[in-house]
Each structure stands twice: as C-alpha cells, then as structure tokens.
Amino acid sequence: MDLAIAKDKGFWKAGHWPTLLTSLFYFDFCFAAWMLNAAMAPFIQERLKLSPAEVGIMLSVPVFAGALLRLPLGILSQYTGRKNAAILNLVIVMAGLVYGWLAPESLTTVMVAGALLGLAGASFGVALALGSGSYPPKYKGLAMGIAGAGNSGAVLAVLFAPPLAGLYGWKSVYAIAIIPIAAAIILLVAFAKEPADLERKSFKDYLSVLWDRDAWVFNLMYALTFGGYIGLTSFLPTLFNVQYDIPKENVGRYAAGIIVMASILRVFGGGLADKIGGLRMIKWLAVISVIGTAVAGFLVLSKDGALANPWVMVAVMVVLFSALGAGNGAVFQLLPLRYKGTTAVASSLVGEIGALAGGFLPNAMGMGSQYTSAGFMPGFAAGTLLSILILVALALVTKKWTSTWVGEGGKARVDETAPQGANSNNLVASGT
C-alpha cells in the first residue's frame, strides 16, 4: 500500500517500528512452516501412495492444529507477554521440524509433524498484537495489515519447498526450514519490544469473548477472508497438480503469484479500511467472493477448451485472493476498535475459527474428488455460501455497530484517533 503516505503522516514514528517489522518476519517464517506439508503434498502423496481423501486429511491437520492452539496461545501471551509467547512458539515449531526430519517416512510421521507445525499457525494473534500494540487507533488497520502480511510466508513454502523436495527429498526440507525459524528467534530477542499497552484481566474476563455475539460475526467474516485463504493456499499445489497435470516441482510457479496478491492486498486492505471503513470494504469484498468462488467452481468442472487452461484459474484465483487478502486487513482494522485491551485474545479466537474453516476446505476438496463427480467444486461452493451469509450478517449488525463502537462505514471514531497514551480511555490495547 501507500507506505510512503503512511510515513508522511507519521506512521513510522507513531509506534515501535522494529517490533512491527520483527513481528512481520516472525509471522512470515511461521506461515512458511505451517504450509510446508501443503507445498510438498504432491511429493508426499506419490511417495506414501495416498488417496485423495487421505491427502485432504493430511493437509487439514496443520490447519486444524493451528486453529485450535490460537486461543490458548493468545491467552498465554496475556500473562507471559507476547514476545515471550512468540519465542516459545518458535521453539516448539523447531521441534516439529526436527521430528519431521528425523522420524521414519510414514503418514503418521507427516500427521504428527503437521500437528506440531500447527503451532506455527497459532502465531497469528500474538504476531498481530505484538506488532501493532504500540500504534494508536488511527493507524491500527495499517499496522495490523503490515504484521498480517506475514501470510506471504506461504509463498516461501510453495516456491522453495517443491524444488528442494525434488533435489533432496521431502524430509530434508524440514531440516532446511529450521534455518528461518532460528533466524526469527534471533530477531525477536534482539529487536522486539513488548508494547506498554497492558490491561490485566481475570481469566474469566478473557474468555468472555467466547460468548460475545459480535465476536461470532467477526468469526464468520474471518472464516471467509482467512479460512478461505488458508484452505485454498494449502490446496493450490494439489489443485494445479491434479486438475491441470502441472509437474509437482513446478506448481509453485502457478500458486506463488496468487498468494502474493493476498499478502499485498492485506496491507492495502488494512490501510484503506482506516480511511473508508472496514464494514464498507468487507461488504464489497464479500460480493467479489461470491462471484469468484462460483466461477472457480465452474472452472473445475470444465475439462476441455480454453476454460481448462490453468492460467484461467490463476486469473480467477488472483482476483479472489486479492479480495480475501483485503478482507483480512479490513477485519483487523475493526477488531481492535471493538476489543480494546484484549486484542490478542480476540484476534486469537477469530483466527481460530477462521483457520478451522480453512481446515474444512481441503477435506471438502479431497472428499469431493474421491466420492463425487463434481471434483473440487464442493469446496468452492462452500465459499460461495459463506460469502452470502456474511452479506446477510452485515445487513443485520451494521446499524448497531455504527451507533455504538465504530464510526460511519466502520471507520475509527474521531475521539479514538488521538495518540495512544493521550487518554487511557481511548487506548486500543493488544494485551500482553
């Protein structure tokens, strides 16, 4: 996005930018580790002779594990500090990589390693809360967007894991991935600073977000914008390999550009949501998602002619992923405005539900391919339905939200744009 504009307006001086950039690298390397099995799926499927349904289950394990661990890690960060929680997070991820490297080749090994690597996906709420914690409300969307752009780590996985697996074997890729994880630990220790936005609450107060209605509307939105992103990202290598007969060493060339657009638009989405309002953005992005998922579902049913060209699917996925990425940024422009002082916990809950939705998608793709004549279409149809549900939910809550805690269209209210620390009642804290 217009980072130069942000600089002109004092963005980089408004918070602790070394912590923000360190959080970006932390999340980026974690995301790469989280997507490692997905990037190597064609190699693992061939070596272990897995059925399409088994591939779907294998791909969903890291996603589900990452989803289920997000809320516990977010709550832990409230007590230990986000920086300490992030370092512990990376140590466990490194243990998962070591296990995947040294354990015998088997589906069980892949599943166990995937479960441990799932903790890399749990880094989401902590990374965003740590990176944006020192920024005032008017810059929250952009700060969240920059930290959240770490989902571009999926690009590292799909670009480098397949050719490395072809050269050295898929298990050796686990060993190579230890290097960036170790680098992330060093960066956190050396440059990250715990934001001074601490708001101590009881464990019960932190858990109260679980039964808050607004949180579940956020969950629905994030189930599409992030669940759709992570689910499709984990399945893209298999989609291009199986649907279009792309050699498994080359699938990253088709998937990388798609994933990059989502990461770029996440930053753009957060910054734009600061200006025009997250609610307004999400509404239009959901419309784009309805169209994009419906077209993608039609394409997987097209076996002949121009529509069977993989670049047609790439074009549709670029548009769809761009909408999902921008929607990601818009959701997290709104979240810290709604949950002041407990953003780490709220982010982790919303991220958990979103990732659980993403874990459903590879299973829908795999089961559809193995047991129906519709191929991968059921997964895209689920995205279409979810997009419609979001439009309905927004119609129901927008009036109430804009009359209580957020401004017109979802912009921060004027009295919440003062520099953080100017008024303790206006703090948008990320929690520690």
Protein backbone atom coordinates (compact mmCIF):
# COMPACT_ATOMS: atom_id res chain seq x y z
CA MET A 1 0.00 0.00 0.00
CA ASP A 2 0.93 3.67 0.22
CA LEU A 3 3.57 3.14 2.89
CA ALA A 4 5.20 6.39 1.77
CA ILE A 5 1.95 8.18 2.59
CA ALA A 6 1.88 6.46 5.96
CA LYS A 7 5.42 7.73 6.57
CA ASP A 8 4.48 11.28 5.61
CA LYS A 9 1.64 11.17 8.14
CA GLY A 10 3.90 9.97 10.89
CA PHE A 11 3.03 6.28 10.83
CA TRP A 12 6.55 5.04 11.43
CA LYS A 13 7.03 7.48 14.30
CA ALA A 14 3.68 6.66 15.89
CA GLY A 15 4.76 3.25 17.20
CA HIS A 16 7.79 0.99 17.64
CA TRP A 17 8.57 0.02 14.04
CA PRO A 18 11.37 -2.51 14.85
CA THR A 19 8.82 -4.57 16.79
CA LEU A 20 6.32 -4.27 13.92
CA LEU A 21 8.82 -5.48 11.32
CA THR A 22 10.12 -8.23 13.62
CA SER A 23 6.54 -9.41 14.10
CA LEU A 24 6.16 -9.48 10.33
CA PHE A 25 9.21 -11.76 9.96
CA TYR A 26 8.06 -13.93 12.87
CA PHE A 27 4.65 -14.47 11.31
CA ASP A 28 6.14 -14.85 7.82
CA PHE A 29 8.52 -17.67 8.77
CA CYS A 30 5.85 -19.33 10.89
CA PHE A 31 3.43 -19.25 8.00
CA ALA A 32 6.01 -20.86 5.74
CA ALA A 33 6.48 -23.69 8.24
CA TRP A 34 2.71 -24.04 8.62
CA MET A 35 2.30 -24.52 4.86
CA LEU A 36 5.26 -26.88 4.44
CA ASN A 37 3.25 -30.11 4.18
CA ALA A 38 0.83 -28.45 1.76
CA ALA A 39 3.66 -27.31 -0.50
CA MET A 40 5.15 -30.82 -0.52
CA ALA A 41 1.80 -32.63 -0.79
CA PRO A 42 2.33 -33.97 -4.36
CA PHE A 43 5.68 -35.49 -3.29
CA ILE A 44 4.26 -36.95 -0.08
CA GLN A 45 1.21 -38.32 -1.91
CA GLU A 46 3.38 -40.04 -4.52
CA ARG A 47 5.90 -41.43 -2.01
CA LEU A 48 3.33 -42.73 0.50
CA LYS A 49 0.71 -43.65 -2.14
CA LEU A 50 -2.10 -41.63 -0.51
CA SER A 51 -5.68 -41.45 -1.76
CA PRO A 52 -7.28 -38.03 -2.45
CA ALA A 53 -9.23 -38.28 0.80
CA GLU A 54 -6.04 -39.06 2.75
CA VAL A 55 -4.35 -36.05 1.15
CA GLY A 56 -7.26 -33.87 2.26
CA ILE A 57 -6.96 -35.13 5.83
CA MET A 58 -3.16 -34.72 5.80
CA LEU A 59 -3.50 -31.12 4.64
CA SER A 60 -6.13 -30.31 7.24
CA VAL A 61 -4.08 -31.49 10.25
CA PRO A 62 -1.72 -28.46 10.44
CA VAL A 63 -4.63 -26.11 9.75
CA PHE A 64 -6.83 -27.60 12.47
CA ALA A 65 -3.94 -27.77 14.95
CA GLY A 66 -3.03 -24.16 14.29
CA ALA A 67 -6.67 -23.14 14.71
CA LEU A 68 -7.20 -24.96 18.00
CA LEU A 69 -3.98 -23.61 19.50
CA ARG A 70 -4.53 -19.96 18.61
CA LEU A 71 -6.80 -19.09 21.53
CA PRO A 72 -4.64 -20.86 24.17
CA LEU A 73 -1.52 -19.13 22.82
CA GLY A 74 -3.32 -15.79 22.80
CA ILE A 75 -4.39 -16.20 26.42
CA LEU A 76 -0.86 -17.33 27.39
CA SER A 77 0.51 -14.16 25.81
CA GLN A 78 -1.67 -12.07 28.13
CA TYR A 79 0.26 -13.47 31.10
CA THR A 80 3.77 -14.10 29.77
CA GLY A 81 3.96 -11.21 27.31
CA ARG A 82 3.59 -11.52 23.55
CA LYS A 83 7.33 -11.50 22.91
CA ASN A 84 7.94 -14.42 25.30
CA ALA A 85 4.96 -16.34 23.90
CA ALA A 86 6.29 -15.85 20.37
CA ILE A 87 9.73 -17.21 21.29
CA LEU A 88 8.21 -20.26 22.99
CA ASN A 89 6.00 -20.73 19.93
CA LEU A 90 9.04 -20.85 17.64
CA VAL A 91 10.92 -23.32 19.84
CA ILE A 92 8.04 -25.81 19.59
CA VAL A 93 7.80 -25.28 15.82
CA MET A 94 11.51 -26.04 15.56
CA ALA A 95 10.93 -29.28 17.50
CA GLY A 96 8.26 -30.23 14.95
CA LEU A 97 10.68 -29.66 12.10
CA VAL A 98 13.34 -31.79 13.77
CA TYR A 99 10.80 -34.59 14.30
CA GLY A 100 9.64 -34.46 10.67
CA TRP A 101 13.24 -34.61 9.51
CA LEU A 102 14.43 -37.50 11.71
CA ALA A 103 11.34 -39.70 12.11
CA PRO A 104 10.70 -42.62 9.67
CA GLU A 105 8.77 -41.96 6.46
CA SER A 106 5.08 -42.64 7.07
CA LEU A 107 1.70 -40.97 7.04
CA THR A 108 1.83 -40.97 10.85
CA THR A 109 5.09 -39.01 10.78
CA VAL A 110 3.57 -36.42 8.46
CA MET A 111 0.49 -36.15 10.68
CA VAL A 112 2.49 -35.71 13.89
CA ALA A 113 4.88 -33.22 12.29
CA GLY A 114 1.87 -31.39 10.86
CA ALA A 115 0.26 -31.17 14.29
CA LEU A 116 3.45 -29.69 15.78
CA LEU A 117 3.83 -27.30 12.85
CA GLY A 118 0.24 -26.29 13.51
CA LEU A 119 1.58 -24.18 16.36
CA ALA A 120 3.24 -22.05 13.67
CA GLY A 121 -0.26 -21.17 12.51
CA ALA A 122 -1.19 -20.28 16.08
CA SER A 123 1.29 -17.40 15.90
CA PHE A 124 -1.26 -15.18 14.19
CA GLY A 125 -2.93 -13.38 17.10
CA VAL A 126 0.33 -12.93 19.00
CA ALA A 127 2.17 -11.56 15.95
CA LEU A 128 -0.53 -9.02 15.14
CA ALA A 129 -0.98 -7.91 18.76
CA LEU A 130 2.78 -7.62 19.31
CA GLY A 131 3.40 -5.73 16.08
CA SER A 132 0.51 -3.26 16.37
CA GLY A 133 0.45 -2.87 20.15
CA SER A 134 2.30 0.45 20.26
CA TYR A 135 0.30 2.11 17.45
CA PRO A 136 -2.65 4.49 18.02
CA PRO A 137 -6.16 3.64 16.81
CA LYS A 138 -6.00 5.66 13.60
CA TYR A 139 -3.05 3.53 12.41
CA LYS A 140 -4.26 0.17 13.76
CA GLY A 141 -5.52 -1.08 10.42
CA LEU A 142 -2.25 -0.38 8.63
CA ALA A 143 -0.12 -1.77 11.49
CA MET A 144 -2.27 -4.91 11.63
CA GLY A 145 -2.06 -5.19 7.86
CA ILE A 146 1.73 -5.00 7.83
CA ALA A 147 2.12 -7.60 10.59
CA GLY A 148 -0.55 -9.77 8.98
CA ALA A 149 1.23 -9.63 5.63
CA GLY A 150 3.37 -12.39 7.11
CA ASN A 151 0.91 -14.77 5.50
CA SER A 152 3.16 -14.23 2.49
CA GLY A 153 5.27 -16.95 4.12
CA ALA A 154 3.08 -19.31 2.15
CA VAL A 155 4.88 -18.01 -0.94
CA LEU A 156 8.21 -19.12 0.53
CA ALA A 157 6.77 -22.57 1.08
CA VAL A 158 5.24 -23.08 -2.37
CA LEU A 159 8.20 -21.57 -4.24
CA PHE A 160 11.09 -23.26 -2.45
CA ALA A 161 9.74 -26.47 -0.88
CA PRO A 162 8.78 -28.29 -4.12
CA PRO A 163 12.14 -27.85 -5.93
CA LEU A 164 14.06 -28.59 -2.71
CA ALA A 165 11.96 -31.72 -2.21
CA GLY A 166 12.78 -32.76 -5.78
CA LEU A 167 16.51 -32.29 -5.19
CA TYR A 168 16.97 -33.60 -1.66
CA GLY A 169 13.78 -35.46 -0.77
CA TRP A 170 10.76 -34.10 1.05
CA LYS A 171 12.00 -34.99 4.54
CA SER A 172 15.16 -32.93 4.08
CA VAL A 173 13.05 -29.84 3.56
CA TYR A 174 12.08 -30.00 7.25
CA ALA A 175 15.76 -29.65 8.15
CA ILE A 176 16.27 -26.70 5.80
CA ALA A 177 13.23 -24.95 7.29
CA ILE A 178 14.90 -24.91 10.71
CA ILE A 179 17.17 -22.08 9.50
CA PRO A 180 14.49 -19.35 9.07
CA ILE A 181 12.78 -20.38 12.31
CA ALA A 182 16.08 -19.94 14.18
CA ALA A 183 16.51 -16.56 12.46
CA ALA A 184 13.06 -15.47 13.66
CA ILE A 185 14.02 -16.31 17.26
CA ILE A 186 17.19 -14.20 16.97
CA LEU A 187 15.25 -11.25 15.52
CA LEU A 188 12.65 -11.36 18.29
CA VAL A 189 15.28 -11.48 21.04
CA ALA A 190 17.34 -8.69 19.50
CA PHE A 191 14.75 -6.19 18.25
CA ALA A 192 11.23 -6.81 19.59
CA LYS A 193 9.94 -4.70 22.47
CA GLU A 194 6.87 -5.60 24.49
CA PRO A 195 4.28 -2.79 23.93
CA ALA A 196 3.25 -0.86 27.03
CA ASP A 197 -0.48 -1.37 26.47
CA LEU A 198 -1.00 -3.87 29.25
CA GLU A 199 -4.51 -4.37 30.60
CA ARG A 200 -4.70 -7.07 33.25
CA LYS A 201 -7.92 -9.03 33.45
CA SER A 202 -9.06 -12.26 35.02
CA PHE A 203 -9.01 -15.49 33.05
CA LYS A 204 -12.82 -15.41 33.04
CA ASP A 205 -12.81 -11.91 31.55
CA TYR A 206 -10.50 -13.04 28.76
CA LEU A 207 -12.79 -15.96 27.98
CA SER A 208 -15.88 -13.74 27.92
CA VAL A 209 -15.17 -13.06 24.24
CA LEU A 210 -16.28 -16.65 23.56
CA TRP A 211 -19.93 -15.83 24.14
CA ASP A 212 -19.96 -12.31 22.77
CA ARG A 213 -22.26 -12.08 19.74
CA ASP A 214 -20.13 -9.53 17.93
CA ALA A 215 -17.15 -11.89 18.16
CA TRP A 216 -19.08 -14.53 16.25
CA VAL A 217 -19.91 -12.08 13.50
CA PHE A 218 -16.17 -11.42 13.26
CA ASN A 219 -15.65 -15.19 13.23
CA LEU A 220 -17.99 -15.52 10.27
CA MET A 221 -16.18 -12.79 8.34
CA TYR A 222 -12.78 -14.26 9.11
CA ALA A 223 -13.91 -17.77 8.25
CA LEU A 224 -14.18 -16.47 4.70
CA THR A 225 -11.31 -14.00 4.46
CA PHE A 226 -8.72 -16.10 6.27
CA GLY A 227 -10.30 -19.57 6.27
CA GLY A 228 -10.81 -19.31 2.53
CA TYR A 229 -7.26 -18.03 2.09
CA ILE A 230 -5.53 -20.68 4.19
CA GLY A 231 -7.72 -23.52 2.92
CA LEU A 232 -7.14 -22.63 -0.73
CA THR A 233 -3.45 -21.90 -0.15
CA SER A 234 -2.94 -25.36 1.34
CA PHE A 235 -4.74 -26.95 -1.61
CA LEU A 236 -3.34 -24.91 -4.52
CA PRO A 237 -0.33 -27.20 -5.16
CA THR A 238 -2.64 -30.24 -5.26
CA LEU A 239 -5.22 -28.39 -7.35
CA PHE A 240 -2.75 -27.47 -10.09
CA ASN A 241 -1.02 -30.85 -9.97
CA VAL A 242 -4.20 -32.95 -10.14
CA GLN A 243 -6.61 -30.72 -12.08
CA TYR A 244 -4.15 -29.44 -14.69
CA ASP A 245 -1.37 -32.07 -14.64
CA ILE A 246 1.28 -29.49 -13.70
CA PRO A 247 4.54 -31.26 -12.69
CA LYS A 248 4.81 -31.25 -8.90
CA GLU A 249 8.17 -29.40 -8.99
CA ASN A 250 6.53 -26.53 -10.89
CA VAL A 251 3.23 -25.99 -9.06
CA GLY A 252 4.76 -23.14 -7.05
CA ARG A 253 5.11 -21.05 -10.18
CA TYR A 254 1.34 -21.03 -10.56
CA ALA A 255 0.48 -20.66 -6.87
CA ALA A 256 3.06 -18.06 -5.78
CA GLY A 257 1.62 -15.06 -7.62
CA ILE A 258 -1.84 -15.83 -6.31
CA ILE A 259 -0.64 -15.92 -2.71
CA VAL A 260 1.48 -12.77 -3.12
CA MET A 261 -1.61 -10.79 -4.16
CA ALA A 262 -3.42 -11.76 -0.97
CA SER A 263 -0.46 -10.65 1.14
CA ILE A 264 -0.08 -7.31 -0.66
CA LEU A 265 -3.79 -6.61 -0.52
CA ARG A 266 -3.86 -7.43 3.17
CA VAL A 267 -1.62 -4.43 3.86
CA PHE A 268 -3.60 -2.33 1.38
CA GLY A 269 -6.88 -3.51 2.90
CA GLY A 270 -5.89 -2.53 6.43
CA GLY A 271 -4.76 0.93 5.37
CA LEU A 272 -7.75 1.52 3.10
CA ALA A 273 -10.11 0.34 5.84
CA ASP A 274 -8.63 3.02 8.12
CA LYS A 275 -9.73 5.58 5.52
CA ILE A 276 -13.10 4.36 4.21
CA GLY A 277 -14.22 1.91 6.92
CA GLY A 278 -13.83 -1.83 7.33
CA LEU A 279 -17.56 -2.59 7.20
CA ARG A 280 -17.92 -0.90 3.83
CA MET A 281 -14.92 -2.78 2.48
CA ILE A 282 -15.97 -6.21 3.70
CA LYS A 283 -19.41 -5.81 2.12
CA TRP A 284 -18.00 -5.28 -1.37
CA LEU A 285 -15.28 -7.87 -0.96
CA ALA A 286 -17.89 -10.46 0.00
CA VAL A 287 -19.70 -9.69 -3.27
CA ILE A 288 -16.45 -10.29 -5.18
CA SER A 289 -16.02 -13.57 -3.27
CA VAL A 290 -19.50 -14.76 -4.24
CA ILE A 291 -18.63 -14.26 -7.90
CA GLY A 292 -15.04 -15.57 -7.66
CA THR A 293 -15.87 -18.81 -5.85
CA ALA A 294 -18.80 -19.52 -8.16
CA VAL A 295 -16.61 -19.04 -11.26
CA ALA A 296 -13.81 -21.20 -9.78
CA GLY A 297 -16.33 -23.96 -9.03
CA PHE A 298 -17.49 -23.85 -12.64
CA LEU A 299 -13.91 -23.99 -13.92
CA VAL A 300 -13.04 -27.23 -12.10
CA LEU A 301 -15.97 -28.84 -13.89
CA SER A 302 -14.65 -27.69 -17.29
CA LYS A 303 -12.40 -30.39 -18.72
CA ASP A 304 -11.95 -29.16 -22.30
CA GLY A 305 -11.33 -25.96 -24.24
CA ALA A 306 -9.94 -22.62 -23.12
CA LEU A 307 -11.57 -22.88 -19.70
CA ALA A 308 -9.35 -25.88 -18.96
CA ASN A 309 -6.25 -23.69 -19.29
CA PRO A 310 -4.57 -23.38 -15.86
CA TRP A 311 -3.91 -19.67 -16.42
CA VAL A 312 -7.65 -19.03 -16.48
CA MET A 313 -7.84 -20.50 -12.98
CA VAL A 314 -4.79 -18.45 -11.96
CA ALA A 315 -6.55 -15.25 -13.10
CA VAL A 316 -9.71 -16.09 -11.14
CA MET A 317 -7.67 -17.02 -8.06
CA VAL A 318 -5.70 -13.75 -8.21
CA VAL A 319 -8.95 -11.76 -8.07
CA LEU A 320 -10.41 -13.99 -5.35
CA PHE A 321 -7.24 -13.99 -3.22
CA SER A 322 -6.96 -10.22 -3.59
CA ALA A 323 -10.47 -9.86 -2.17
CA LEU A 324 -9.71 -12.29 0.66
CA GLY A 325 -6.45 -10.51 1.50
CA ALA A 326 -8.06 -7.07 1.57
CA GLY A 327 -10.90 -8.51 3.64
CA ASN A 328 -8.31 -9.85 6.08
CA GLY A 329 -6.98 -6.35 6.59
CA ALA A 330 -10.46 -4.88 6.96
CA VAL A 331 -11.47 -7.38 9.66
CA PHE A 332 -8.41 -6.50 11.70
CA GLN A 333 -8.96 -2.79 11.28
CA LEU A 334 -12.28 -3.30 13.09
CA LEU A 335 -11.27 -5.85 15.72
CA PRO A 336 -9.01 -3.66 17.94
CA LEU A 337 -11.66 -0.93 17.87
CA ARG A 338 -14.21 -3.38 19.27
CA TYR A 339 -11.98 -5.25 21.75
CA LYS A 340 -9.81 -2.71 23.48
CA GLY A 341 -7.26 -4.18 25.85
CA THR A 342 -7.86 -7.80 24.81
CA THR A 343 -7.00 -7.71 21.12
CA ALA A 344 -4.56 -10.62 21.43
CA VAL A 345 -7.29 -12.88 22.84
CA ALA A 346 -9.98 -11.64 20.44
CA SER A 347 -7.60 -11.95 17.49
CA SER A 348 -6.71 -15.48 18.53
CA LEU A 349 -10.36 -16.52 18.85
CA VAL A 350 -11.29 -15.02 15.49
CA GLY A 351 -8.16 -16.51 13.94
CA GLU A 352 -9.01 -19.88 15.46
CA ILE A 353 -12.47 -20.03 13.92
CA GLY A 354 -11.15 -18.74 10.62
CA ALA A 355 -8.44 -21.39 10.48
CA LEU A 356 -10.91 -24.13 11.44
CA ALA A 357 -12.97 -23.11 8.42
CA GLY A 358 -9.79 -23.32 6.37
CA GLY A 359 -9.21 -26.87 7.60
CA PHE A 360 -12.65 -27.85 6.35
CA LEU A 361 -11.89 -26.78 2.79
CA PRO A 362 -9.12 -29.31 1.89
CA ASN A 363 -11.36 -32.08 3.21
CA ALA A 364 -14.25 -30.84 1.08
CA MET A 365 -11.94 -30.77 -1.95
CA GLY A 366 -10.49 -34.23 -1.30
CA MET A 367 -13.80 -35.90 -0.49
CA GLY A 368 -15.47 -34.26 -3.47
CA SER A 369 -12.73 -35.51 -5.77
CA GLN A 370 -12.81 -39.08 -4.44
CA TYR A 371 -16.51 -39.67 -3.85
CA THR A 372 -18.40 -37.42 -6.30
CA SER A 373 -18.32 -36.48 -9.95
CA ALA A 374 -18.07 -32.80 -9.00
CA GLY A 375 -14.34 -32.97 -8.33
CA PHE A 376 -13.07 -29.99 -6.33
CA MET A 377 -16.27 -27.97 -6.82
CA PRO A 378 -17.83 -28.60 -3.33
CA GLY A 379 -15.05 -26.61 -1.66
CA PHE A 380 -15.68 -23.57 -3.86
CA ALA A 381 -19.45 -23.90 -3.37
CA ALA A 382 -18.93 -23.70 0.39
CA GLY A 383 -17.10 -20.39 -0.13
CA THR A 384 -20.00 -19.02 -2.17
CA LEU A 385 -22.49 -19.91 0.55
CA LEU A 386 -20.31 -18.40 3.29
CA SER A 387 -19.93 -15.15 1.34
CA ILE A 388 -23.72 -14.84 1.09
CA LEU A 389 -24.09 -15.47 4.84
CA ILE A 390 -21.64 -12.65 5.56
CA LEU A 391 -23.66 -10.20 3.47
CA VAL A 392 -26.75 -11.17 5.48
CA ALA A 393 -24.87 -10.79 8.81
CA LEU A 394 -23.56 -7.34 7.84
CA ALA A 395 -27.07 -6.20 6.96
CA LEU A 396 -28.18 -7.20 10.47
CA VAL A 397 -25.38 -5.64 12.56
CA THR A 398 -24.09 -2.59 10.68
CA LYS A 399 -26.63 -0.12 12.10
CA LYS A 400 -26.00 -1.17 15.69
CA TRP A 401 -22.21 -1.23 15.35
CA THR A 402 -22.03 2.23 13.76
CA SER A 403 -24.22 3.68 16.52
CA THR A 404 -22.17 2.22 19.38
CA TRP A 405 -18.45 1.48 18.98
CA VAL A 406 -17.40 2.35 15.42
CA GLY A 407 -17.93 5.25 13.05
CA GLU A 408 -19.69 5.51 9.70
CA GLY A 409 -18.78 2.69 7.34
CA GLY A 410 -16.56 1.14 10.01
CA LYS A 411 -14.01 3.95 10.45
CA ALA A 412 -12.46 4.73 13.84
CA ARG A 413 -14.41 7.41 15.69
CA VAL A 414 -12.90 10.88 15.84
CA ASP A 415 -12.37 10.68 19.62
CA GLU A 416 -10.34 7.48 19.16
CA THR A 417 -7.71 8.89 16.83
CA ALA A 418 -5.64 10.63 19.49
CA PRO A 419 -2.12 9.25 20.00
CA GLN A 420 -2.07 6.20 22.21
CA GLY A 421 -1.40 7.18 25.79
CA ALA A 422 -3.09 10.58 25.48
CA ASN A 423 -6.20 9.25 27.14
CA SER A 424 -6.31 5.86 28.80
CA ASN A 425 -10.00 5.53 27.97
CA ASN A 426 -9.20 5.69 24.29
CA LEU A 427 -6.46 3.09 24.24
CA VAL A 428 -6.78 0.27 21.76
CA ALA A 429 -4.52 -2.18 23.51
CA SER A 430 -3.42 -5.51 22.23
CA GLY A 431 -2.98 -7.05 25.64
CA THR A 432 0.11 -8.76 26.96
